[in-house]
Amino acid sequence: MGRYLAYRLLSAIPILVVVSLVSFLIIFLVPGDPASEIAGPGAGADEVARVRQSLGLDQHVGIQMLTWYGRLLQGDLGQSILLNRSVASAILERAPVTLSLALLALTISVALALVLGVVAAVKQNTWVDQSAMTVALFGLSLPDFWVGLVMIYLFAVLLGWFPTGGYVELSKGVGPWLRSLIMPAVALGLAQLGLLARITRATMLEVLRQDYIRTARAKGVPERRVIDTHALTNTLIPVVTVIGIIVGILLGGAVVVESVFALPGVGRLIIGAIMRRDYPVIQGGLLLTASIYVFVNILVDVLYAWLDPRVRYE
């Protein structure tokens, strides 16, 4: 396992190099002159030249790339043009909001999806099964931003149970923190709940038809123990694999949800940077998101081997 973990960490290096290269090339791939866009439509030639020089765009592409990677190896993501501060500090300041939102959405999705999927499989072809899969279908069909707007109207405007937006830090109490994130987390995780519930049901049905399940039942093992101990553990293997993909989807979906609920997270920071052509922030945000996604998938691979003792990585 240690050798496999080292191999996976080493294999992540080329991926991160490619992502960093794409992040660097964004400023050249976007149509138009970045310096002119940043300087504004009324800027003169001298002002555009100063902006180009401050960004280092007046240098050769190869020199710019070497400078980019040199700063990157030192942990320097550059300086935000609009915020007038380092990109790393701007992202780290907002990272707790996005990570809290994504983790809470993932927790809600996984917990409810496992319950719905297992119950639907155990009660196959009954009204319970149909009701659970109907909830999953709604989750897959409804866009997260629309769900967020409906929840704001129902639970914040009409009922007043939750705030319409904003973020309360965890240091101010678990209750206020949870109230500020519960609606965005549900809106973000609802679609993934539907996907996970359907996968859990399909996998559980397949596991329940295995010979060792019939043997356990024939030996008189209680049905609850058959489900909890024998079937659910093997059902988690493909579910864990899908969770690695879902993390990336949640990080991407957080961009929209943070805008709907006015959360000061990394997603909203990137949206503002895109609208105002703050390229260093866009580059840093893309690189950070991709890095998190890569390392989460490495963690998923390790969990996969831990859940299934038959897996041996050489």
Protein backbone atom coordinates (compact mmCIF):
# COMPACT_ATOMS: atom_id res chain seq x y z
CA MET A 1 0.00 0.00 0.00
CA GLY A 2 2.86 2.38 0.80
CA ARG A 3 4.41 1.77 -2.59
CA TYR A 4 1.09 2.37 -4.32
CA LEU A 5 0.54 5.59 -2.39
CA ALA A 6 3.99 6.83 -3.39
CA TYR A 7 3.29 5.89 -7.00
CA ARG A 8 -0.03 7.77 -7.00
CA LEU A 9 1.59 10.86 -5.51
CA LEU A 10 4.32 10.77 -8.13
CA SER A 11 1.79 10.25 -10.92
CA ALA A 12 -0.03 13.37 -9.75
CA ILE A 13 3.01 15.53 -10.57
CA PRO A 14 2.59 15.41 -14.40
CA ILE A 15 -1.12 16.17 -14.00
CA LEU A 16 -0.39 19.20 -11.85
CA VAL A 17 2.27 20.34 -14.32
CA VAL A 18 -0.27 20.20 -17.16
CA VAL A 19 -2.85 22.06 -15.05
CA SER A 20 -0.31 24.73 -14.16
CA LEU A 21 0.58 25.07 -17.85
CA VAL A 22 -3.08 25.53 -18.77
CA SER A 23 -3.41 28.07 -15.97
CA PHE A 24 -0.44 29.97 -17.34
CA LEU A 25 -1.75 29.90 -20.93
CA ILE A 26 -5.19 31.25 -19.97
CA ILE A 27 -3.97 34.80 -20.28
CA PHE A 28 -2.93 34.09 -23.90
CA LEU A 29 -5.93 31.94 -24.88
CA VAL A 30 -8.56 34.53 -23.97
CA PRO A 31 -9.43 36.74 -26.97
CA GLY A 32 -8.27 40.33 -26.85
CA ASP A 33 -5.35 42.11 -25.25
CA PRO A 34 -5.32 41.41 -21.48
CA ALA A 35 -3.53 44.68 -20.75
CA SER A 36 -6.15 46.69 -22.68
CA GLU A 37 -8.99 44.87 -20.95
CA ILE A 38 -7.53 45.49 -17.51
CA ALA A 39 -6.66 49.12 -18.20
CA GLY A 40 -10.21 49.82 -19.35
CA PRO A 41 -11.80 51.13 -22.56
CA GLY A 42 -10.76 54.75 -21.96
CA ALA A 43 -7.10 54.02 -21.21
CA GLY A 44 -4.37 55.54 -23.34
CA ALA A 45 -1.43 53.78 -24.92
CA ASP A 46 0.93 54.74 -22.09
CA GLU A 47 -1.41 53.35 -19.44
CA VAL A 48 -1.87 50.11 -21.38
CA ALA A 49 1.91 49.83 -21.70
CA ARG A 50 2.31 50.27 -17.93
CA VAL A 51 -0.24 47.54 -17.28
CA ARG A 52 1.49 45.25 -19.75
CA GLN A 53 4.81 45.88 -18.08
CA SER A 54 3.39 45.28 -14.57
CA LEU A 55 2.00 41.94 -15.72
CA GLY A 56 5.25 41.02 -17.43
CA LEU A 57 3.48 40.68 -20.78
CA ASP A 58 6.15 42.75 -22.49
CA GLN A 59 8.63 39.87 -22.04
CA HIS A 60 9.09 36.79 -24.19
CA VAL A 61 6.61 33.94 -23.56
CA GLY A 62 9.42 31.61 -22.50
CA ILE A 63 10.67 34.10 -19.91
CA GLN A 64 7.12 34.59 -18.64
CA MET A 65 6.71 30.83 -18.26
CA LEU A 66 10.00 30.45 -16.37
CA THR A 67 9.00 33.33 -14.09
CA TRP A 68 5.57 31.73 -13.52
CA TYR A 69 7.00 28.34 -12.55
CA GLY A 70 9.75 29.95 -10.47
CA ARG A 71 7.21 31.80 -8.37
CA LEU A 72 4.95 28.75 -8.26
CA LEU A 73 7.71 26.58 -6.77
CA GLN A 74 8.05 29.18 -4.02
CA GLY A 75 4.31 29.10 -3.32
CA ASP A 76 3.76 32.49 -4.93
CA LEU A 77 0.60 32.62 -7.07
CA GLY A 78 1.11 36.22 -8.03
CA GLN A 79 -0.51 39.51 -7.12
CA SER A 80 -4.19 40.28 -7.63
CA ILE A 81 -4.62 43.28 -9.90
CA LEU A 82 -7.90 44.48 -8.42
CA LEU A 83 -7.50 43.42 -4.78
CA ASN A 84 -3.92 44.72 -4.62
CA ARG A 85 -2.86 41.74 -2.49
CA SER A 86 -1.32 38.32 -3.05
CA VAL A 87 -3.53 35.74 -4.74
CA ALA A 88 -2.57 33.10 -2.16
CA SER A 89 -3.78 35.23 0.76
CA ALA A 90 -7.00 36.14 -1.07
CA ILE A 91 -7.76 32.45 -1.79
CA LEU A 92 -6.79 31.23 1.69
CA GLU A 93 -9.04 33.88 3.25
CA ARG A 94 -12.04 32.55 1.32
CA ALA A 95 -11.12 28.86 1.22
CA PRO A 96 -12.85 27.97 4.56
CA VAL A 97 -16.19 29.10 3.13
CA THR A 98 -15.93 26.97 -0.01
CA LEU A 99 -14.51 23.94 1.80
CA SER A 100 -17.21 24.16 4.48
CA LEU A 101 -19.91 24.37 1.83
CA ALA A 102 -18.50 21.47 -0.20
CA LEU A 103 -17.93 19.22 2.82
CA LEU A 104 -21.38 19.88 4.24
CA ALA A 105 -22.99 19.26 0.85
CA LEU A 106 -20.98 16.04 0.47
CA THR A 107 -21.98 14.87 3.96
CA ILE A 108 -25.66 15.50 3.29
CA SER A 109 -25.49 13.82 -0.12
CA VAL A 110 -23.66 10.70 1.04
CA ALA A 111 -25.71 10.20 4.22
CA LEU A 112 -29.12 10.59 2.57
CA ALA A 113 -28.08 8.75 -0.61
CA LEU A 114 -26.95 5.68 1.33
CA VAL A 115 -30.19 5.60 3.30
CA LEU A 116 -32.37 6.06 0.21
CA GLY A 117 -30.38 3.61 -1.91
CA VAL A 118 -30.23 0.84 0.69
CA VAL A 119 -33.90 1.17 1.65
CA ALA A 120 -34.95 1.22 -2.01
CA ALA A 121 -32.95 -1.94 -2.72
CA VAL A 122 -34.24 -3.80 0.33
CA LYS A 123 -37.83 -2.77 -0.49
CA GLN A 124 -37.45 -3.35 -4.23
CA ASN A 125 -40.54 -2.77 -6.40
CA THR A 126 -42.59 -1.37 -3.51
CA TRP A 127 -43.92 2.13 -2.91
CA VAL A 128 -40.88 2.77 -0.71
CA ASP A 129 -38.57 1.99 -3.63
CA GLN A 130 -40.58 4.17 -6.01
CA SER A 131 -40.70 7.07 -3.53
CA ALA A 132 -36.94 6.96 -2.91
CA MET A 133 -36.13 6.86 -6.61
CA THR A 134 -38.59 9.71 -7.25
CA VAL A 135 -36.61 11.85 -4.79
CA ALA A 136 -33.41 10.82 -6.59
CA LEU A 137 -34.94 11.73 -9.95
CA PHE A 138 -35.92 15.17 -8.68
CA GLY A 139 -32.39 15.67 -7.40
CA LEU A 140 -30.90 14.81 -10.79
CA SER A 141 -33.38 16.97 -12.72
CA LEU A 142 -33.37 20.26 -10.81
CA PRO A 143 -30.51 22.76 -11.35
CA ASP A 144 -28.78 23.82 -8.13
CA PHE A 145 -29.23 27.55 -8.73
CA TRP A 146 -33.00 27.11 -9.21
CA VAL A 147 -33.26 24.99 -6.07
CA GLY A 148 -31.33 27.67 -4.23
CA LEU A 149 -33.66 30.45 -5.37
CA VAL A 150 -36.76 28.42 -4.43
CA MET A 151 -35.32 27.62 -1.00
CA ILE A 152 -34.51 31.30 -0.39
CA TYR A 153 -38.09 32.26 -1.21
CA LEU A 154 -39.70 29.50 0.86
CA PHE A 155 -37.49 29.13 3.91
CA ALA A 156 -35.94 32.59 4.17
CA VAL A 157 -38.49 35.06 2.79
CA LEU A 158 -41.80 33.35 3.63
CA LEU A 159 -40.94 31.31 6.73
CA GLY A 160 -37.90 33.20 7.99
CA TRP A 161 -36.15 30.04 9.20
CA PHE A 162 -32.81 30.78 7.56
CA PRO A 163 -30.97 33.89 6.37
CA THR A 164 -31.28 34.79 2.70
CA GLY A 165 -27.51 34.81 2.28
CA GLY A 166 -24.17 35.56 3.82
CA TYR A 167 -21.75 33.49 5.85
CA VAL A 168 -21.23 33.16 9.60
CA GLU A 169 -17.84 31.91 10.73
CA LEU A 170 -17.63 28.70 12.75
CA SER A 171 -15.90 30.60 15.55
CA LYS A 172 -19.19 32.43 16.23
CA GLY A 173 -21.00 29.18 17.00
CA VAL A 174 -21.97 25.93 15.30
CA GLY A 175 -25.65 26.90 15.16
CA PRO A 176 -25.25 30.21 13.30
CA TRP A 177 -22.59 28.65 11.05
CA LEU A 178 -24.90 25.78 10.16
CA ARG A 179 -27.88 28.09 9.56
CA SER A 180 -25.87 30.12 7.06
CA LEU A 181 -24.75 27.02 5.12
CA ILE A 182 -27.60 24.51 5.32
CA MET A 183 -29.61 25.89 2.38
CA PRO A 184 -26.60 26.35 0.07
CA ALA A 185 -25.35 22.85 1.00
CA VAL A 186 -28.72 21.23 0.26
CA ALA A 187 -29.03 23.11 -3.04
CA LEU A 188 -25.50 22.08 -4.03
CA GLY A 189 -25.73 18.47 -2.88
CA LEU A 190 -29.23 17.61 -4.10
CA ALA A 191 -28.16 16.57 -7.60
CA GLN A 192 -25.32 14.44 -6.25
CA LEU A 193 -27.73 12.87 -3.75
CA GLY A 194 -29.84 11.63 -6.64
CA LEU A 195 -26.84 10.19 -8.48
CA LEU A 196 -25.44 8.45 -5.40
CA ALA A 197 -28.84 7.06 -4.37
CA ARG A 198 -29.36 5.42 -7.76
CA ILE A 199 -25.85 3.97 -7.79
CA THR A 200 -26.26 2.70 -4.21
CA ARG A 201 -29.56 1.01 -5.07
CA ALA A 202 -28.17 -0.68 -8.19
CA THR A 203 -25.05 -1.89 -6.39
CA MET A 204 -27.01 -3.09 -3.35
CA LEU A 205 -29.37 -5.10 -5.56
CA GLU A 206 -26.39 -6.75 -7.21
CA VAL A 207 -24.75 -7.53 -3.86
CA LEU A 208 -27.96 -8.97 -2.38
CA ARG A 209 -28.02 -11.57 -5.17
CA GLN A 210 -24.54 -12.88 -4.33
CA ASP A 211 -24.03 -16.39 -2.97
CA TYR A 212 -22.48 -15.27 0.32
CA ILE A 213 -25.61 -13.27 1.11
CA ARG A 214 -27.80 -16.33 0.53
CA THR A 215 -25.41 -18.38 2.68
CA ALA A 216 -25.60 -15.85 5.51
CA ARG A 217 -29.38 -15.92 5.41
CA ALA A 218 -29.42 -19.72 5.27
CA LYS A 219 -27.24 -19.84 8.40
CA GLY A 220 -29.85 -17.79 10.24
CA VAL A 221 -27.97 -14.50 10.40
CA PRO A 222 -30.44 -11.68 11.25
CA GLU A 223 -31.52 -9.71 8.21
CA ARG A 224 -30.33 -6.41 9.67
CA ARG A 225 -26.84 -7.84 10.20
CA VAL A 226 -26.85 -9.23 6.66
CA ILE A 227 -27.60 -5.76 5.31
CA ASP A 228 -25.36 -3.74 7.64
CA THR A 229 -22.34 -6.02 7.89
CA HIS A 230 -22.21 -8.13 4.74
CA ALA A 231 -24.00 -6.18 2.01
CA LEU A 232 -23.38 -2.51 2.84
CA THR A 233 -19.58 -2.82 3.06
CA ASN A 234 -19.34 -4.20 -0.47
CA THR A 235 -21.87 -1.67 -1.71
CA LEU A 236 -19.61 1.18 -0.55
CA ILE A 237 -16.79 0.24 -2.94
CA PRO A 238 -18.28 1.73 -6.15
CA VAL A 239 -19.93 4.50 -4.12
CA VAL A 240 -16.55 5.66 -2.80
CA THR A 241 -15.24 5.75 -6.36
CA VAL A 242 -18.09 8.02 -7.43
CA ILE A 243 -17.53 10.27 -4.41
CA GLY A 244 -14.13 11.21 -5.83
CA ILE A 245 -15.84 12.48 -8.98
CA ILE A 246 -18.55 14.24 -7.00
CA VAL A 247 -16.01 16.29 -5.05
CA GLY A 248 -14.89 17.91 -8.29
CA ILE A 249 -18.51 18.56 -9.26
CA LEU A 250 -19.21 20.14 -5.87
CA LEU A 251 -16.20 22.42 -6.14
CA GLY A 252 -17.35 23.53 -9.58
CA GLY A 253 -20.97 23.91 -8.51
CA ALA A 254 -19.93 26.00 -5.52
CA VAL A 255 -19.14 28.83 -7.94
CA VAL A 256 -22.83 29.22 -8.84
CA VAL A 257 -24.26 28.48 -5.39
CA GLU A 258 -21.96 30.98 -3.71
CA SER A 259 -23.19 33.66 -6.09
CA VAL A 260 -26.85 32.80 -5.39
CA PHE A 261 -26.42 32.88 -1.60
CA ALA A 262 -23.82 35.70 -1.52
CA LEU A 263 -21.21 33.53 0.16
CA PRO A 264 -17.70 35.04 0.23
CA GLY A 265 -15.99 31.88 -1.04
CA VAL A 266 -13.37 31.03 -3.61
CA GLY A 267 -16.01 30.43 -6.28
CA ARG A 268 -17.40 33.93 -5.96
CA LEU A 269 -13.85 35.28 -5.96
CA ILE A 270 -13.14 33.52 -9.25
CA ILE A 271 -16.41 34.74 -10.79
CA GLY A 272 -15.48 38.32 -9.88
CA ALA A 273 -11.99 37.80 -11.30
CA ILE A 274 -13.42 36.49 -14.58
CA MET A 275 -15.79 39.43 -14.90
CA ARG A 276 -12.99 41.93 -14.24
CA ARG A 277 -10.18 40.07 -16.04
CA ASP A 278 -8.09 39.60 -12.90
CA TYR A 279 -5.95 36.88 -14.50
CA PRO A 280 -3.65 36.06 -11.55
CA VAL A 281 -6.70 35.19 -9.40
CA ILE A 282 -8.19 33.07 -12.20
CA GLN A 283 -4.91 31.20 -12.61
CA GLY A 284 -4.49 30.62 -8.89
CA GLY A 285 -8.10 29.51 -8.40
CA LEU A 286 -7.92 27.03 -11.26
CA LEU A 287 -4.66 25.57 -10.01
CA LEU A 288 -5.95 25.23 -6.44
CA THR A 289 -9.22 23.57 -7.51
CA ALA A 290 -7.44 21.09 -9.75
CA SER A 291 -4.92 20.24 -7.01
CA ILE A 292 -7.69 19.52 -4.50
CA TYR A 293 -9.47 17.33 -7.05
CA VAL A 294 -6.30 15.32 -7.81
CA PHE A 295 -5.46 14.66 -4.17
CA VAL A 296 -9.05 13.77 -3.27
CA ASN A 297 -9.00 11.11 -5.99
CA ILE A 298 -5.74 9.73 -4.55
CA LEU A 299 -7.49 9.50 -1.18
CA VAL A 300 -10.41 7.71 -2.84
CA ASP A 301 -8.06 5.13 -4.33
CA VAL A 302 -6.56 4.46 -0.90
CA LEU A 303 -10.03 4.10 0.64
CA TYR A 304 -10.97 1.74 -2.18
CA ALA A 305 -8.11 -0.59 -1.25
CA TRP A 306 -8.99 -0.35 2.44
CA LEU A 307 -12.63 -1.28 1.85
CA ASP A 308 -11.82 -4.19 -0.47
CA PRO A 309 -9.05 -6.44 0.94
CA ARG A 310 -8.96 -8.33 -2.37
CA VAL A 311 -7.39 -5.34 -4.03
CA ARG A 312 -3.61 -5.55 -4.06
CA TYR A 313 -1.66 -2.77 -5.69
CA GLU A 314 1.81 -3.71 -6.86
